[in-house]
C-alpha atoms as a PDB file:
ATOM      1  CA  MET A   1     137.754 115.915 191.815  1.00  0.00           C
ATOM      2  CA  ASN A   2     139.963 114.425 189.198  1.00  0.00           C
ATOM      3  CA  ALA A   3     140.279 115.574 185.510  1.00  0.00           C
ATOM      4  CA  ARG A   4     138.448 112.327 184.385  1.00  0.00           C
ATOM      5  CA  THR A   5     135.244 113.331 186.017  1.00  0.00           C
ATOM      6  CA  ASP A   6     132.180 111.721 184.184  1.00  0.00           C
ATOM      7  CA  VAL A   7     129.329 114.246 183.652  1.00  0.00           C
ATOM      8  CA  ASP A   8     125.659 113.709 182.880  1.00  0.00           C
ATOM      9  CA  LEU A   9     124.424 117.029 181.404  1.00  0.00           C
ATOM     10  CA  TYR A  10     120.677 117.705 181.161  1.00  0.00           C
ATOM     11  CA  VAL A  11     119.630 120.959 179.368  1.00  0.00           C
ATOM     12  CA  ILE A  12     116.034 121.894 180.431  1.00  0.00           C
ATOM     13  CA  HIS A  13     113.548 123.950 178.445  1.00  0.00           C
ATOM     14  CA  GLY A  14     110.907 126.330 179.959  1.00  0.00           C
ATOM     15  CA  VAL A  15     107.491 126.951 178.818  1.00  0.00           C
ATOM     16  CA  ARG A  16     106.414 127.461 175.142  1.00  0.00           C
ATOM     17  CA  SER A  17     109.956 126.664 173.935  1.00  0.00           C
ATOM     18  CA  ALA A  18     110.918 125.911 170.363  1.00  0.00           C
ATOM     19  CA  PRO A  19     112.188 122.529 169.739  1.00  0.00           C
ATOM     20  CA  HIS A  20     115.684 123.490 169.124  1.00  0.00           C
ATOM     21  CA  PHE A  21     116.054 126.690 171.056  1.00  0.00           C
ATOM     22  CA  LEU A  22     118.577 125.276 173.611  1.00  0.00           C
ATOM     23  CA  GLU A  23     120.406 122.760 171.300  1.00  0.00           C
ATOM     24  CA  GLY A  24     123.147 125.370 170.498  1.00  0.00           C
ATOM     25  CA  PHE A  25     123.808 125.816 173.930  1.00  0.00           C
ATOM     26  CA  ARG A  26     123.716 121.972 174.939  1.00  0.00           C
ATOM     27  CA  THR A  27     126.102 121.190 172.087  1.00  0.00           C
ATOM     28  CA  ALA A  28     128.605 124.002 173.012  1.00  0.00           C
ATOM     29  CA  LEU A  29     128.729 123.106 176.761  1.00  0.00           C
ATOM     30  CA  HIS A  30     128.968 119.367 175.846  1.00  0.00           C
ATOM     31  CA  ARG A  31     131.805 120.027 173.607  1.00  0.00           C
ATOM     32  CA  ARG A  32     133.636 122.241 176.148  1.00  0.00           C
ATOM     33  CA  LEU A  33     133.400 119.202 178.746  1.00  0.00           C
ATOM     34  CA  GLU A  34     134.782 116.787 176.427  1.00  0.00           C
ATOM     35  CA  GLU A  35     137.624 119.212 175.519  1.00  0.00           C
ATOM     36  CA  ALA A  36     138.405 119.479 179.173  1.00  0.00           C
ATOM     37  CA  GLY A  37     138.711 115.714 179.448  1.00  0.00           C
ATOM     38  CA  ARG A  38     135.439 114.842 180.941  1.00  0.00           C
ATOM     39  CA  ALA A  39     133.305 111.736 179.730  1.00  0.00           C
ATOM     40  CA  VAL A  40     129.992 113.353 178.765  1.00  0.00           C
ATOM     41  CA  ARG A  41     126.384 112.334 178.270  1.00  0.00           C
ATOM     42  CA  SER A  42     123.907 114.942 177.587  1.00  0.00           C
ATOM     43  CA  ALA A  43     120.130 115.441 176.592  1.00  0.00           C
ATOM     44  CA  THR A  44     117.722 118.085 176.049  1.00  0.00           C
ATOM     45  CA  LEU A  45     114.503 117.963 178.275  1.00  0.00           C
ATOM     46  CA  PHE A  46     111.067 119.482 177.943  1.00  0.00           C
ATOM     47  CA  PRO A  47     109.437 118.998 181.227  1.00  0.00           C
ATOM     48  CA  TYR A  48     106.302 121.219 180.267  1.00  0.00           C
ATOM     49  CA  GLY A  49     106.246 120.309 176.557  1.00  0.00           C
ATOM     50  CA  ASP A  50     107.259 122.486 173.606  1.00  0.00           C
ATOM     51  CA  TRP A  51     105.341 125.216 171.898  1.00  0.00           C
ATOM     52  CA  SER A  52     103.036 122.647 170.366  1.00  0.00           C
ATOM     53  CA  ARG A  53     101.360 122.136 173.794  1.00  0.00           C
ATOM     54  CA  SER A  54      98.645 124.319 175.415  1.00  0.00           C
ATOM     55  CA  PRO A  55     100.342 127.516 176.735  1.00  0.00           C
ATOM     56  CA  ALA A  56      97.751 127.658 179.528  1.00  0.00           C
ATOM     57  CA  VAL A  57      98.489 124.229 180.740  1.00  0.00           C
ATOM     58  CA  GLN A  58     102.264 124.693 180.669  1.00  0.00           C
ATOM     59  CA  LEU A  59     101.923 127.918 182.676  1.00  0.00           C
ATOM     60  CA  ARG A  60      99.747 126.255 185.319  1.00  0.00           C
ATOM     61  CA  GLU A  61     102.234 123.300 185.695  1.00  0.00           C
ATOM     62  CA  ALA A  62     105.204 125.913 185.905  1.00  0.00           C
ATOM     63  CA  ALA A  63     103.447 128.059 188.532  1.00  0.00           C
ATOM     64  CA  ARG A  64     102.933 124.909 190.508  1.00  0.00           C
ATOM     65  CA  ASP A  65     106.495 124.247 190.780  1.00  0.00           C
ATOM     66  CA  LEU A  66     107.522 127.996 191.113  1.00  0.00           C
ATOM     67  CA  PHE A  67     105.311 128.313 194.371  1.00  0.00           C
ATOM     68  CA  LEU A  68     105.748 124.894 195.678  1.00  0.00           C
ATOM     69  CA  ALA A  69     105.416 124.863 199.373  1.00  0.00           C
ATOM     70  CA  GLU A  70     108.188 123.551 201.677  1.00  0.00           C
ATOM     71  CA  ARG A  71     108.332 119.725 202.074  1.00  0.00           C
ATOM     72  CA  ASP A  72     106.168 119.357 198.909  1.00  0.00           C
ATOM     73  CA  ALA A  73     108.842 118.585 196.497  1.00  0.00           C
ATOM     74  CA  ARG A  74     107.261 115.259 195.436  1.00  0.00           C
ATOM     75  CA  ARG A  75     104.193 117.367 194.007  1.00  0.00           C
ATOM     76  CA  SER A  76     106.377 119.007 191.536  1.00  0.00           C
ATOM     77  CA  VAL A  77     105.400 118.631 187.950  1.00  0.00           C
ATOM     78  CA  GLY A  78     108.456 119.489 186.052  1.00  0.00           C
ATOM     79  CA  GLY A  79     110.787 118.125 188.734  1.00  0.00           C
ATOM     80  CA  ARG A  80     109.282 114.656 188.456  1.00  0.00           C
ATOM     81  CA  ARG A  81     109.188 114.712 184.720  1.00  0.00           C
ATOM     82  CA  VAL A  82     112.968 115.694 184.615  1.00  0.00           C
ATOM     83  CA  LEU A  83     113.754 112.840 187.034  1.00  0.00           C
ATOM     84  CA  GLU A  84     111.645 110.329 185.117  1.00  0.00           C
ATOM     85  CA  ARG A  85     113.704 111.161 181.872  1.00  0.00           C
ATOM     86  CA  ILE A  86     116.965 110.768 183.783  1.00  0.00           C
ATOM     87  CA  ARG A  87     115.910 107.359 184.798  1.00  0.00           C
ATOM     88  CA  ASP A  88     114.641 106.509 181.415  1.00  0.00           C
ATOM     89  CA  GLY A  89     118.160 107.177 180.250  1.00  0.00           C
ATOM     90  CA  GLY A  90     119.702 104.842 182.896  1.00  0.00           C
ATOM     91  CA  GLY A  91     119.264 106.900 185.905  1.00  0.00           C
ATOM     92  CA  PRO A  92     121.778 108.730 187.967  1.00  0.00           C
ATOM     93  CA  SER A  93     124.954 106.512 187.937  1.00  0.00           C
ATOM     94  CA  GLY A  94     127.382 106.394 190.879  1.00  0.00           C
ATOM     95  CA  GLY A  95     130.584 108.396 190.051  1.00  0.00           C
ATOM     96  CA  ARG A  96     128.939 110.540 187.595  1.00  0.00           C
ATOM     97  CA  ARG A  97     128.330 114.256 188.365  1.00  0.00           C
ATOM     98  CA  ILE A  98     124.994 115.434 187.209  1.00  0.00           C
ATOM     99  CA  VAL A  99     124.449 119.077 185.892  1.00  0.00           C
ATOM    100  CA  LEU A 100     121.000 120.430 185.386  1.00  0.00           C
ATOM    101  CA  ALA A 101     120.975 123.628 183.268  1.00  0.00           C
ATOM    102  CA  GLY A 102     117.542 125.210 182.626  1.00  0.00           C
ATOM    103  CA  HIS A 103     116.395 128.394 180.926  1.00  0.00           C
ATOM    104  CA  SER A 104     113.365 130.255 182.446  1.00  0.00           C
ATOM    105  CA  ALA A 105     110.916 127.810 184.114  1.00  0.00           C
ATOM    106  CA  GLY A 106     113.311 125.091 183.118  1.00  0.00           C
ATOM    107  CA  GLY A 107     115.682 126.369 185.889  1.00  0.00           C
ATOM    108  CA  VAL A 108     112.789 125.913 188.373  1.00  0.00           C
ATOM    109  CA  ALA A 109     112.323 122.340 187.187  1.00  0.00           C
ATOM    110  CA  ALA A 110     116.007 121.751 187.438  1.00  0.00           C
ATOM    111  CA  VAL A 111     115.836 122.900 191.198  1.00  0.00           C
ATOM    112  CA  ARG A 112     112.881 120.689 191.828  1.00  0.00           C
ATOM    113  CA  ALA A 113     114.288 117.555 190.191  1.00  0.00           C
ATOM    114  CA  ALA A 114     117.803 118.113 192.307  1.00  0.00           C
ATOM    115  CA  GLU A 115     115.459 118.400 195.345  1.00  0.00           C
ATOM    116  CA  LEU A 116     113.879 115.082 194.516  1.00  0.00           C
ATOM    117  CA  MET A 117     117.266 113.452 193.950  1.00  0.00           C
ATOM    118  CA  MET A 118     118.405 114.558 197.371  1.00  0.00           C
ATOM    119  CA  LEU A 119     115.164 113.324 198.882  1.00  0.00           C
ATOM    120  CA  GLU A 120     115.992 110.065 197.501  1.00  0.00           C
ATOM    121  CA  GLY A 121     119.455 109.854 198.902  1.00  0.00           C
ATOM    122  CA  ALA A 122     121.849 111.212 196.275  1.00  0.00           C
ATOM    123  CA  GLN A 123     125.377 111.115 197.616  1.00  0.00           C
ATOM    124  CA  SER A 124     126.196 114.639 196.235  1.00  0.00           C
ATOM    125  CA  PRO A 125     123.780 117.348 195.256  1.00  0.00           C
ATOM    126  CA  PRO A 126     123.351 117.895 191.510  1.00  0.00           C
ATOM    127  CA  LEU A 127     124.907 121.233 190.173  1.00  0.00           C
ATOM    128  CA  VAL A 128     122.083 123.541 188.973  1.00  0.00           C
ATOM    129  CA  VAL A 129     122.312 126.293 186.558  1.00  0.00           C
ATOM    130  CA  MET A 130     119.239 128.595 186.355  1.00  0.00           C
ATOM    131  CA  ILE A 131     119.410 130.684 183.254  1.00  0.00           C
ATOM    132  CA  GLY A 132     116.874 133.679 183.125  1.00  0.00           C
ATOM    133  CA  SER A 133     114.658 131.926 185.640  1.00  0.00           C
ATOM    134  CA  PRO A 134     112.263 133.483 188.091  1.00  0.00           C
ATOM    135  CA  ARG A 135     112.982 133.285 191.784  1.00  0.00           C
ATOM    136  CA  CYS A 136     111.940 130.113 193.651  1.00  0.00           C
ATOM    137  CA  ARG A 137     112.676 128.468 196.966  1.00  0.00           C
ATOM    138  CA  ILE A 138     116.005 126.618 196.785  1.00  0.00           C
ATOM    139  CA  PRO A 139     116.494 124.029 199.650  1.00  0.00           C
ATOM    140  CA  ALA A 140     119.449 124.744 201.962  1.00  0.00           C
ATOM    141  CA  PRO A 141     121.424 121.488 200.643  1.00  0.00           C
ATOM    142  CA  LEU A 142     121.247 122.808 197.208  1.00  0.00           C
ATOM    143  CA  ARG A 143     122.119 126.562 197.640  1.00  0.00           C
ATOM    144  CA  ASP A 144     125.925 126.334 197.418  1.00  0.00           C
ATOM    145  CA  SER A 145     125.354 124.010 194.272  1.00  0.00           C
ATOM    146  CA  THR A 146     122.995 126.386 192.554  1.00  0.00           C
ATOM    147  CA  VAL A 147     123.763 129.276 190.469  1.00  0.00           C
ATOM    148  CA  ARG A 148     121.512 132.086 188.856  1.00  0.00           C
ATOM    149  CA  VAL A 149     122.526 133.551 185.620  1.00  0.00           C
ATOM    150  CA  CYS A 150     120.924 136.908 184.589  1.00  0.00           C
ATOM    151  CA  ALA A 151     121.235 139.251 181.752  1.00  0.00           C
ATOM    152  CA  GLY A 152     122.575 142.507 183.180  1.00  0.00           C
ATOM    153  CA  ALA A 153     125.175 145.077 183.686  1.00  0.00           C
ATOM    154  CA  PRO A 154     126.209 147.669 186.346  1.00  0.00           C
ATOM    155  CA  ASP A 155     124.545 150.989 186.275  1.00  0.00           C
ATOM    156  CA  ARG A 156     126.387 154.316 187.112  1.00  0.00           C
ATOM    157  CA  ARG A 157     126.763 153.484 190.715  1.00  0.00           C
ATOM    158  CA  GLY A 158     128.092 150.120 189.974  1.00  0.00           C
ATOM    159  CA  VAL A 159     125.131 148.302 191.243  1.00  0.00           C
ATOM    160  CA  PHE A 160     124.196 145.383 188.803  1.00  0.00           C
ATOM    161  CA  ARG A 161     120.548 145.541 187.234  1.00  0.00           C
ATOM    162  CA  SER A 162     119.110 142.816 185.301  1.00  0.00           C
ATOM    163  CA  ARG A 163     117.579 143.495 181.739  1.00  0.00           C
ATOM    164  CA  ASP A 164     115.467 140.210 182.094  1.00  0.00           C
ATOM    165  CA  GLY A 165     112.144 140.831 183.680  1.00  0.00           C
ATOM    166  CA  ILE A 166     111.513 137.211 184.324  1.00  0.00           C
ATOM    167  CA  VAL A 167     114.206 136.868 186.894  1.00  0.00           C
ATOM    168  CA  ARG A 168     112.481 139.436 189.132  1.00  0.00           C
ATOM    169  CA  ILE A 169     109.226 137.270 189.215  1.00  0.00           C
ATOM    170  CA  ALA A 170     108.166 135.705 192.523  1.00  0.00           C
ATOM    171  CA  THR A 171     110.264 135.294 195.659  1.00  0.00           C
ATOM    172  CA  PHE A 172     113.033 133.120 197.156  1.00  0.00           C
ATOM    173  CA  GLY A 173     110.738 132.053 199.919  1.00  0.00           C
ATOM    174  CA  GLY A 174     108.356 130.082 198.051  1.00  0.00           C
ATOM    175  CA  LEU A 175     105.136 129.205 200.034  1.00  0.00           C
ATOM    176  CA  ALA A 176     104.768 128.229 203.518  1.00  0.00           C
ATOM    177  CA  SER A 177     102.710 125.055 203.821  1.00  0.00           C
ATOM    178  CA  ARG A 178      99.339 125.082 205.959  1.00  0.00           C
ATOM    179  CA  GLY A 179      99.331 121.504 205.950  1.00  0.00           C
ATOM    180  CA  PHE A 180      97.267 118.725 204.267  1.00  0.00           C
ATOM    181  CA  GLY A 181      98.955 119.759 201.086  1.00  0.00           C
ATOM    182  CA  LEU A 182      97.393 123.170 201.088  1.00  0.00           C
ATOM    183  CA  PRO A 183      99.722 126.260 199.882  1.00  0.00           C
ATOM    184  CA  GLY A 184      99.932 129.173 202.542  1.00  0.00           C
ATOM    185  CA  ARG A 185     101.346 132.569 202.408  1.00  0.00           C
ATOM    186  CA  PRO A 186     104.538 133.518 200.912  1.00  0.00           C
ATOM    187  CA  SER A 187     107.286 132.286 203.273  1.00  0.00           C
ATOM    188  CA  ARG A 188     109.734 134.761 204.863  1.00  0.00           C
ATOM    189  CA  LYS A 189     112.546 132.357 204.899  1.00  0.00           C
ATOM    190  CA  ARG A 190     115.061 133.165 202.176  1.00  0.00           C
ATOM    191  CA  GLY A 191     115.847 130.235 199.945  1.00  0.00           C
ATOM    192  CA  GLN A 192     118.326 132.046 197.551  1.00  0.00           C
ATOM    193  CA  ALA A 193     121.167 130.578 195.661  1.00  0.00           C
ATOM    194  CA  GLU A 194     124.472 131.406 197.097  1.00  0.00           C
ATOM    195  CA  GLU A 195     125.626 133.061 193.841  1.00  0.00           C
ATOM    196  CA  THR A 196     124.114 135.101 191.084  1.00  0.00           C
ATOM    197  CA  VAL A 197     126.180 135.866 187.849  1.00  0.00           C
ATOM    198  CA  TYR A 198     125.078 138.754 185.524  1.00  0.00           C
ATOM    199  CA  VAL A 199     126.140 138.478 181.708  1.00  0.00           C
ATOM    200  CA  PRO A 200     126.215 141.528 179.738  1.00  0.00           C
ATOM    201  CA  ILE A 201     124.377 140.114 176.881  1.00  0.00           C
ATOM    202  CA  ALA A 202     122.478 142.116 174.173  1.00  0.00           C
ATOM    203  CA  GLY A 203     118.878 141.827 174.579  1.00  0.00           C
ATOM    204  CA  GLY A 204     116.887 140.028 177.452  1.00  0.00           C
ATOM    205  CA  HIS A 205     114.979 136.955 178.444  1.00  0.00           C
ATOM    206  CA  THR A 206     115.021 135.105 174.922  1.00  0.00           C
ATOM    207  CA  ASP A 207     118.455 136.075 173.915  1.00  0.00           C
ATOM    208  CA  TYR A 208     121.079 134.313 176.135  1.00  0.00           C
ATOM    209  CA  PHE A 209     121.667 131.680 173.432  1.00  0.00           C
ATOM    210  CA  ARG A 210     121.905 133.947 170.287  1.00  0.00           C
ATOM    211  CA  ASP A 211     125.056 133.056 168.325  1.00  0.00           C
ATOM    212  CA  ARG A 212     125.085 135.838 165.581  1.00  0.00           C
ATOM    213  CA  GLU A 213     124.900 139.510 164.996  1.00  0.00           C
ATOM    214  CA  PRO A 214     123.330 141.753 166.169  1.00  0.00           C
ATOM    215  CA  TRP A 215     123.739 139.930 169.577  1.00  0.00           C
ATOM    216  CA  THR A 216     127.310 140.650 169.993  1.00  0.00           C
ATOM    217  CA  ASP A 217     129.179 142.780 172.456  1.00  0.00           C
ATOM    218  CA  ALA A 218     131.755 145.431 171.565  1.00  0.00           C
ATOM    219  CA  GLY A 219     134.470 142.673 171.073  1.00  0.00           C
ATOM    220  CA  GLY A 220     132.447 140.581 168.849  1.00  0.00           C
ATOM    221  CA  ARG A 221     131.595 137.910 171.272  1.00  0.00           C
ATOM    222  CA  THR A 222     128.155 136.434 170.902  1.00  0.00           C
ATOM    223  CA  ASN A 223     125.485 136.177 173.672  1.00  0.00           C
ATOM    224  CA  LEU A 224     125.871 132.420 173.510  1.00  0.00           C
ATOM    225  CA  GLU A 225     129.746 132.804 174.200  1.00  0.00           C
ATOM    226  CA  LEU A 226     129.159 135.220 177.072  1.00  0.00           C
ATOM    227  CA  THR A 227     126.458 132.838 178.613  1.00  0.00           C
ATOM    228  CA  LEU A 228     128.619 129.765 177.906  1.00  0.00           C
ATOM    229  CA  ASP A 229     131.648 131.292 179.717  1.00  0.00           C
ATOM    230  CA  ALA A 230     129.780 132.451 182.889  1.00  0.00           C
ATOM    231  CA  VAL A 231     128.309 128.805 183.264  1.00  0.00           C
ATOM    232  CA  TRP A 232     131.740 127.346 182.479  1.00  0.00           C
ATOM    233  CA  SER A 233     133.370 129.378 185.064  1.00  0.00           C
ATOM    234  CA  TRP A 234     130.828 128.477 187.668  1.00  0.00           C
ATOM    235  CA  LEU A 235     131.287 124.806 186.828  1.00  0.00           C
ATOM    236  CA  THR A 236     134.925 124.626 186.887  1.00  0.00           C
ATOM    237  CA  ALA A 237     135.029 126.377 190.261  1.00  0.00           C
ATOM    238  CA  ARG A 238     133.068 123.272 191.417  1.00  0.00           C
ATOM    239  CA  GLY A 239     135.358 120.784 190.202  1.00  0.00           C
ATOM    240  CA  ILE A 240     133.731 119.892 186.810  1.00  0.00           C
END
């Protein structure tokens, strides 16, 4: 890809999210893309609503997307809403690279929206960034274009462990369908993203985007900087 790649960036909230929770991350990533010579359009999406909406309803919708059976992408709640918002903004445009970056359940909605785009004939898969997201089934065409970003650091044996309990929820297999739209048992097929990146942030699930003390490392870098650098490294490795 050339240095003038046009990018449509969508930053996607999870459930019970504060209205401006991801705005600092969206602004920082938008700016970095522009500084690298990209023509950028960006927006922040709330596929399950913000904290003013019923938490029970939001959790029910997110769980539906999380455990969605194979071949049932069109039944996704968050994925369809993300795609509708993209269409409202002019839709996926030819020649523009789409980046879907979601936090928590927003990462699951991002996967489902990308899956819908592929079913509708997208020429190339969107790039999907799942930050602090639970495990979910990722279709084979999307696995190489999806990354999981998890709070964590290596233990004494050098094995990475996450400090974010949400990333350990559910499985990568989703549910196997029993037909007629009925969910079945957890699938044994592994629908895992090709790459998982651990970021040594201070704190856990709600802290990836903190931009001030005490959420800093020994060198004074904030959680937001650490998360942004991890996402940026992955994006640039894929030609963004």
